[in-house]
N, C-alpha and C. Protein backbone atom coordinates (compact mmCIF):
# COMPACT_ATOMS: atom_id res chain seq x y z
N UNK A 1 0.94 -0.87 0.19
CA UNK A 1 0.11 -0.11 0.00
C UNK A 1 0.80 1.20 -0.12
N UNK A 2 1.80 1.14 0.90
CA UNK A 2 2.68 2.35 0.97
C UNK A 2 3.49 2.52 -0.47
N UNK A 3 3.86 1.39 -1.07
CA UNK A 3 4.65 1.39 -2.43
C UNK A 3 3.92 2.38 -3.41
N UNK A 4 2.47 2.13 -3.51
CA UNK A 4 1.41 2.50 -4.44
C UNK A 4 1.43 3.97 -4.07
N UNK A 5 1.32 4.39 -2.90
CA UNK A 5 1.52 5.67 -2.51
C UNK A 5 2.43 6.54 -2.88
N UNK A 6 3.85 5.66 -2.60
CA UNK A 6 5.08 6.68 -3.31
C UNK A 6 4.84 6.51 -4.62
N UNK A 7 4.75 5.45 -5.56
CA UNK A 7 4.47 5.87 -6.77
C UNK A 7 3.45 6.78 -7.51
N UNK A 8 2.33 7.00 -6.73
CA UNK A 8 1.33 8.09 -7.03
C UNK A 8 2.07 9.47 -6.91
N UNK A 9 3.05 9.51 -5.75
CA UNK A 9 3.39 10.82 -5.28
C UNK A 9 4.20 11.32 -6.66
N UNK A 10 5.22 9.99 -6.85
CA UNK A 10 6.44 10.49 -7.74
C UNK A 10 5.76 10.74 -9.22
N UNK A 11 4.53 10.14 -9.64
CA UNK A 11 4.04 10.41 -10.93
C UNK A 11 3.23 11.67 -11.20
N UNK A 12 2.86 12.18 -10.18
CA UNK A 12 2.20 13.29 -9.80
C UNK A 12 3.01 14.77 -10.11
N UNK A 13 4.65 14.36 -9.94
CA UNK A 13 5.38 15.52 -10.15
C UNK A 13 5.47 16.14 -11.52
N UNK A 14 5.57 17.44 -11.30
CA UNK A 14 5.47 17.92 -12.67
C UNK A 14 6.88 17.72 -13.49
N UNK A 15 6.96 17.92 -14.64
CA UNK A 15 8.11 17.40 -15.42
C UNK A 15 9.28 18.47 -15.25
N UNK A 16 8.80 19.66 -14.92
CA UNK A 16 9.85 21.07 -14.94
C UNK A 16 10.49 20.88 -13.45
N UNK A 17 9.76 20.05 -12.48
CA UNK A 17 10.17 20.30 -10.87
C UNK A 17 11.24 19.18 -10.96
N UNK A 18 11.27 18.15 -11.78
CA UNK A 18 12.38 16.97 -11.63
C UNK A 18 13.62 17.36 -12.47
N UNK A 19 14.61 17.39 -11.62
CA UNK A 19 16.09 17.69 -11.87
C UNK A 19 16.70 16.34 -12.30
N UNK A 20 17.10 16.29 -13.31
CA UNK A 20 17.91 15.23 -14.04
C UNK A 20 18.88 15.74 -14.97
N UNK A 21 19.85 14.60 -15.03
CA UNK A 21 20.98 15.09 -16.08
C UNK A 21 20.49 14.90 -17.55
N UNK A 22 20.80 15.35 -18.59
CA UNK A 22 20.51 15.22 -19.91
C UNK A 22 20.56 13.68 -20.21
N UNK A 23 19.95 13.25 -20.92
CA UNK A 23 19.91 11.66 -21.42
C UNK A 23 20.16 11.98 -23.18
N UNK A 24 21.22 10.88 -23.20
CA UNK A 24 21.41 10.97 -24.81
C UNK A 24 20.66 10.28 -25.71
N UNK A 25 20.80 9.76 -26.66
CA UNK A 25 19.80 9.12 -27.68
C UNK A 25 19.84 7.57 -26.88
N UNK A 26 21.15 7.09 -26.78
CA UNK A 26 21.26 5.65 -26.45
C UNK A 26 20.78 5.53 -25.23
N UNK A 27 20.32 6.56 -24.11
CA UNK A 27 19.78 5.95 -22.84
C UNK A 27 20.89 6.28 -21.74
N UNK A 28 22.23 6.74 -22.04
CA UNK A 28 22.95 6.83 -21.07
C UNK A 28 23.04 8.40 -20.72
N UNK A 29 23.49 8.81 -19.33
CA UNK A 29 23.35 10.25 -18.92
C UNK A 29 24.72 10.66 -19.46
N UNK A 30 24.48 12.05 -20.02
CA UNK A 30 25.37 12.72 -20.52
C UNK A 30 26.18 13.55 -19.15
N UNK A 31 27.27 12.85 -18.73
CA UNK A 31 28.04 13.54 -18.02
C UNK A 31 29.12 14.96 -18.54
N UNK A 32 28.90 15.85 -17.86
CA UNK A 32 29.71 17.05 -18.49
C UNK A 32 30.99 16.89 -17.77
N UNK A 33 31.83 16.24 -17.85
CA UNK A 33 33.25 16.09 -17.54
C UNK A 33 34.25 16.96 -18.38
N UNK A 34 35.29 17.89 -17.81
CA UNK A 34 36.24 18.47 -18.62
C UNK A 34 37.31 18.12 -17.93
N UNK A 35 38.59 18.62 -18.64
CA UNK A 35 39.89 18.54 -18.35
C UNK A 35 40.24 18.81 -17.03
N UNK A 36 39.52 19.66 -16.26
CA UNK A 36 39.90 19.92 -15.05
C UNK A 36 39.58 18.84 -13.95
N UNK A 37 38.23 18.27 -14.42
CA UNK A 37 37.67 17.20 -13.51
C UNK A 37 38.56 15.94 -13.45
N UNK A 38 38.82 16.00 -14.90
CA UNK A 38 39.74 14.69 -14.98
C UNK A 38 41.07 14.91 -14.28
N UNK A 39 41.73 15.78 -14.34
CA UNK A 39 42.72 16.05 -13.57
C UNK A 39 42.80 16.01 -12.28
N UNK A 40 41.54 16.55 -11.45
CA UNK A 40 41.61 16.46 -10.45
C UNK A 40 41.49 14.76 -9.74
N UNK A 41 40.54 14.19 -10.71
CA UNK A 41 40.28 12.58 -10.41
C UNK A 41 41.56 12.00 -9.99
N UNK A 42 42.28 12.13 -11.43
CA UNK A 42 43.72 11.42 -11.83
C UNK A 42 44.66 11.89 -10.55
N UNK A 43 44.69 13.17 -10.09
CA UNK A 43 45.50 13.49 -9.29
C UNK A 43 45.37 12.94 -7.84
N UNK A 44 44.16 12.86 -7.55
CA UNK A 44 43.97 12.29 -6.47
C UNK A 44 44.28 10.54 -6.44
N UNK A 45 44.16 10.10 -7.36
CA UNK A 45 44.38 8.52 -7.76
C UNK A 45 45.88 8.44 -7.73
N UNK A 46 46.88 8.92 -8.03
CA UNK A 46 48.19 9.24 -8.23
C UNK A 46 48.80 9.60 -6.85
N UNK A 47 48.11 10.51 -6.05
CA UNK A 47 48.37 10.84 -4.69
C UNK A 47 48.12 9.60 -3.86
N UNK A 48 47.27 8.92 -4.11
CA UNK A 48 46.90 7.71 -3.19
C UNK A 48 47.78 6.69 -3.68
N UNK A 49 48.00 6.42 -4.79
CA UNK A 49 49.45 5.41 -4.93
C UNK A 49 50.78 5.98 -4.73
N UNK A 50 50.97 7.36 -4.39
CA UNK A 50 52.38 7.55 -4.12
C UNK A 50 52.18 7.42 -2.42
N UNK A 51 51.36 7.60 -1.95
CA UNK A 51 51.38 7.52 -0.21
C UNK A 51 51.30 6.14 -0.13
N UNK A 52 50.81 4.89 -0.73
CA UNK A 52 50.82 3.46 -0.55
C UNK A 52 52.36 3.17 -0.81
N UNK A 53 53.04 3.78 -1.74
CA UNK A 53 54.52 3.54 -2.20
C UNK A 53 55.32 3.70 -0.75
N UNK A 54 54.75 5.21 -0.60
CA UNK A 54 55.58 5.60 0.91
C UNK A 54 55.33 4.57 2.17
N UNK A 55 54.08 4.45 2.16
CA UNK A 55 53.87 3.37 3.62
C UNK A 55 54.88 2.19 3.22
N UNK A 56 54.76 1.44 1.93
CA UNK A 56 55.25 0.14 1.80
C UNK A 56 57.17 0.43 1.95
N UNK A 57 57.79 1.46 1.66
CA UNK A 57 59.00 1.76 1.85
C UNK A 57 59.12 1.99 3.46
N UNK A 58 58.49 2.39 3.94
CA UNK A 58 58.62 2.66 5.44
C UNK A 58 58.40 1.45 6.23
N UNK A 59 57.44 0.42 5.93
CA UNK A 59 57.29 -0.91 6.28
C UNK A 59 58.56 -1.66 5.95
N UNK A 60 59.14 -1.79 4.62
CA UNK A 60 60.07 -2.48 4.21
C UNK A 60 61.17 -2.17 5.19
N UNK A 61 61.30 -0.65 5.39
CA UNK A 61 62.56 -0.25 5.92
C UNK A 61 62.67 -0.71 7.49
N UNK A 62 61.27 -0.72 8.23
CA UNK A 62 61.25 -1.27 9.64
C UNK A 62 61.40 -2.80 9.44
N UNK A 63 61.13 -3.62 8.21
CA UNK A 63 61.38 -5.02 8.34
C UNK A 63 62.96 -5.13 8.38
N UNK A 64 63.68 -4.10 7.42
CA UNK A 64 65.18 -4.16 7.27
C UNK A 64 65.77 -4.10 8.61
N UNK A 65 65.37 -3.04 9.41
CA UNK A 65 65.96 -2.81 10.71
C UNK A 65 65.85 -4.04 11.64
N UNK A 66 64.36 -4.40 11.63
CA UNK A 66 64.36 -5.58 12.58
C UNK A 66 64.78 -7.02 12.04
N UNK A 67 65.30 -7.14 11.06
CA UNK A 67 65.67 -8.54 10.30
C UNK A 67 66.78 -9.06 11.31
N UNK A 68 67.44 -8.17 12.09
CA UNK A 68 68.51 -8.97 12.94
C UNK A 68 69.94 -9.57 12.32
N UNK A 69 70.11 -8.87 11.01
CA UNK A 69 71.13 -9.98 10.38
C UNK A 69 70.75 -11.02 9.62
N UNK A 70 69.66 -11.33 9.23
CA UNK A 70 69.18 -12.61 8.74
C UNK A 70 69.22 -12.14 7.16
N UNK A 71 70.10 -13.03 6.70
CA UNK A 71 70.27 -12.41 5.28
C UNK A 71 69.00 -12.67 4.53
N UNK A 72 68.45 -13.97 4.80
CA UNK A 72 66.90 -13.82 3.97
C UNK A 72 65.77 -12.81 4.34
N UNK A 73 65.85 -12.33 5.22
CA UNK A 73 64.74 -11.31 5.76
C UNK A 73 65.49 -9.92 5.49
N UNK A 74 66.96 -9.91 5.28
CA UNK A 74 67.16 -8.55 4.94
C UNK A 74 67.18 -8.02 3.31
N UNK A 75 67.43 -9.50 2.71
CA UNK A 75 67.24 -9.26 1.00
C UNK A 75 65.52 -9.27 0.60
N UNK A 76 64.58 -9.66 1.40
CA UNK A 76 63.33 -9.62 1.32
C UNK A 76 63.09 -8.05 1.49
N UNK A 77 63.53 -7.56 2.73
CA UNK A 77 62.96 -6.28 2.92
C UNK A 77 63.53 -5.16 1.93
N UNK A 78 64.75 -5.47 1.36
CA UNK A 78 65.56 -4.82 0.17
C UNK A 78 64.64 -4.72 -0.92
N UNK A 79 64.25 -5.61 -1.43
CA UNK A 79 63.05 -6.17 -2.45
C UNK A 79 62.19 -5.19 -2.43
N UNK A 80 61.49 -5.13 -1.20
CA UNK A 80 60.19 -4.36 -0.73
C UNK A 80 60.70 -3.04 -1.18
N UNK A 81 61.83 -2.68 -0.79
CA UNK A 81 61.86 -1.22 -0.85
C UNK A 81 62.22 -0.79 -2.36
N UNK A 82 62.74 -1.78 -2.67
CA UNK A 82 63.30 -1.37 -4.36
C UNK A 82 61.89 -1.44 -5.12
N UNK A 83 61.19 -2.38 -5.01
CA UNK A 83 59.72 -2.26 -5.87
C UNK A 83 59.05 -1.29 -5.50
N UNK A 84 58.77 -0.64 -4.16
CA UNK A 84 58.20 0.45 -3.81
C UNK A 84 58.67 1.61 -4.51
N UNK A 85 60.15 1.64 -4.69
CA UNK A 85 60.75 2.93 -5.44
C UNK A 85 60.49 2.69 -6.97
N UNK A 86 60.57 1.64 -7.39
CA UNK A 86 59.99 1.67 -8.96
C UNK A 86 58.86 2.02 -9.22
N UNK A 87 57.72 1.65 -8.35
CA UNK A 87 56.22 1.66 -8.18
C UNK A 87 56.05 3.33 -8.10
N UNK A 88 56.83 3.80 -7.22
CA UNK A 88 56.73 5.35 -6.87
C UNK A 88 57.18 6.28 -8.29
N UNK A 89 58.04 5.58 -8.82
CA UNK A 89 58.80 6.19 -10.08
C UNK A 89 57.73 6.30 -11.28
N UNK A 90 57.00 5.00 -11.24
CA UNK A 90 56.17 4.85 -12.31
C UNK A 90 55.09 5.57 -11.79
N UNK A 91 54.59 5.57 -10.67
CA UNK A 91 53.29 6.35 -10.43
C UNK A 91 53.83 8.19 -10.65
N UNK A 92 54.85 8.74 -10.43
CA UNK A 92 55.25 10.01 -10.67
C UNK A 92 55.50 10.01 -11.97
N UNK A 93 55.89 9.23 -12.88
CA UNK A 93 55.94 9.55 -14.32
C UNK A 93 54.47 9.46 -15.15
N UNK A 94 53.66 8.52 -14.46
CA UNK A 94 52.32 8.52 -15.22
C UNK A 94 51.48 9.78 -14.74
N UNK A 95 51.63 10.23 -13.75
CA UNK A 95 51.02 11.47 -13.41
C UNK A 95 51.55 12.58 -14.31
N UNK A 96 53.04 12.58 -14.33
CA UNK A 96 53.48 13.80 -15.48
C UNK A 96 53.02 13.29 -16.83
N UNK A 97 52.82 12.28 -17.15
CA UNK A 97 52.03 11.99 -18.64
C UNK A 97 50.93 12.39 -18.86
N UNK A 98 49.90 12.11 -17.65
CA UNK A 98 48.77 12.52 -18.00
C UNK A 98 48.66 14.00 -17.89
N UNK A 99 49.22 14.79 -17.07
CA UNK A 99 49.29 16.05 -16.67
C UNK A 99 49.44 16.67 -18.18
N UNK A 100 50.68 16.34 -18.99
CA UNK A 100 50.91 16.79 -20.14
C UNK A 100 49.77 16.66 -21.29
N UNK A 101 49.27 15.53 -21.28
CA UNK A 101 48.15 14.89 -22.09
C UNK A 101 46.75 16.07 -21.87
N UNK A 102 46.53 16.01 -20.47
CA UNK A 102 45.24 16.72 -20.22
C UNK A 102 45.54 18.37 -20.39
N UNK A 103 46.71 18.84 -20.18
CA UNK A 103 47.19 20.36 -20.57
C UNK A 103 47.07 20.48 -21.92
N UNK A 104 47.21 19.40 -23.03
CA UNK A 104 47.31 19.68 -24.48
C UNK A 104 45.76 19.72 -24.94
N UNK A 105 44.67 19.05 -24.16
CA UNK A 105 43.18 18.91 -24.73
C UNK A 105 42.86 20.27 -24.94
């Protein structure tokens, strides 16, 4: 009964009072995204990736310190630091490439 009332209320609204995104011919909403919005979103994504890489470097550094001279544990910690640095370099270069491309649009 409550659902019927809700449907009646929603159907009674005038079309000019309903705010909706413009819809394209294929039925999908038309999102107004510009290069500034894309740059902001990608900046957030790359910042999160950089923060994660920094966290992994810190954790691997602690593992290296706490390894106690064990060659296997120190080697594993060194690999973690190297992998995190490579990931950080890739994230920084990807951000630079994206910024270059977005500024050219």
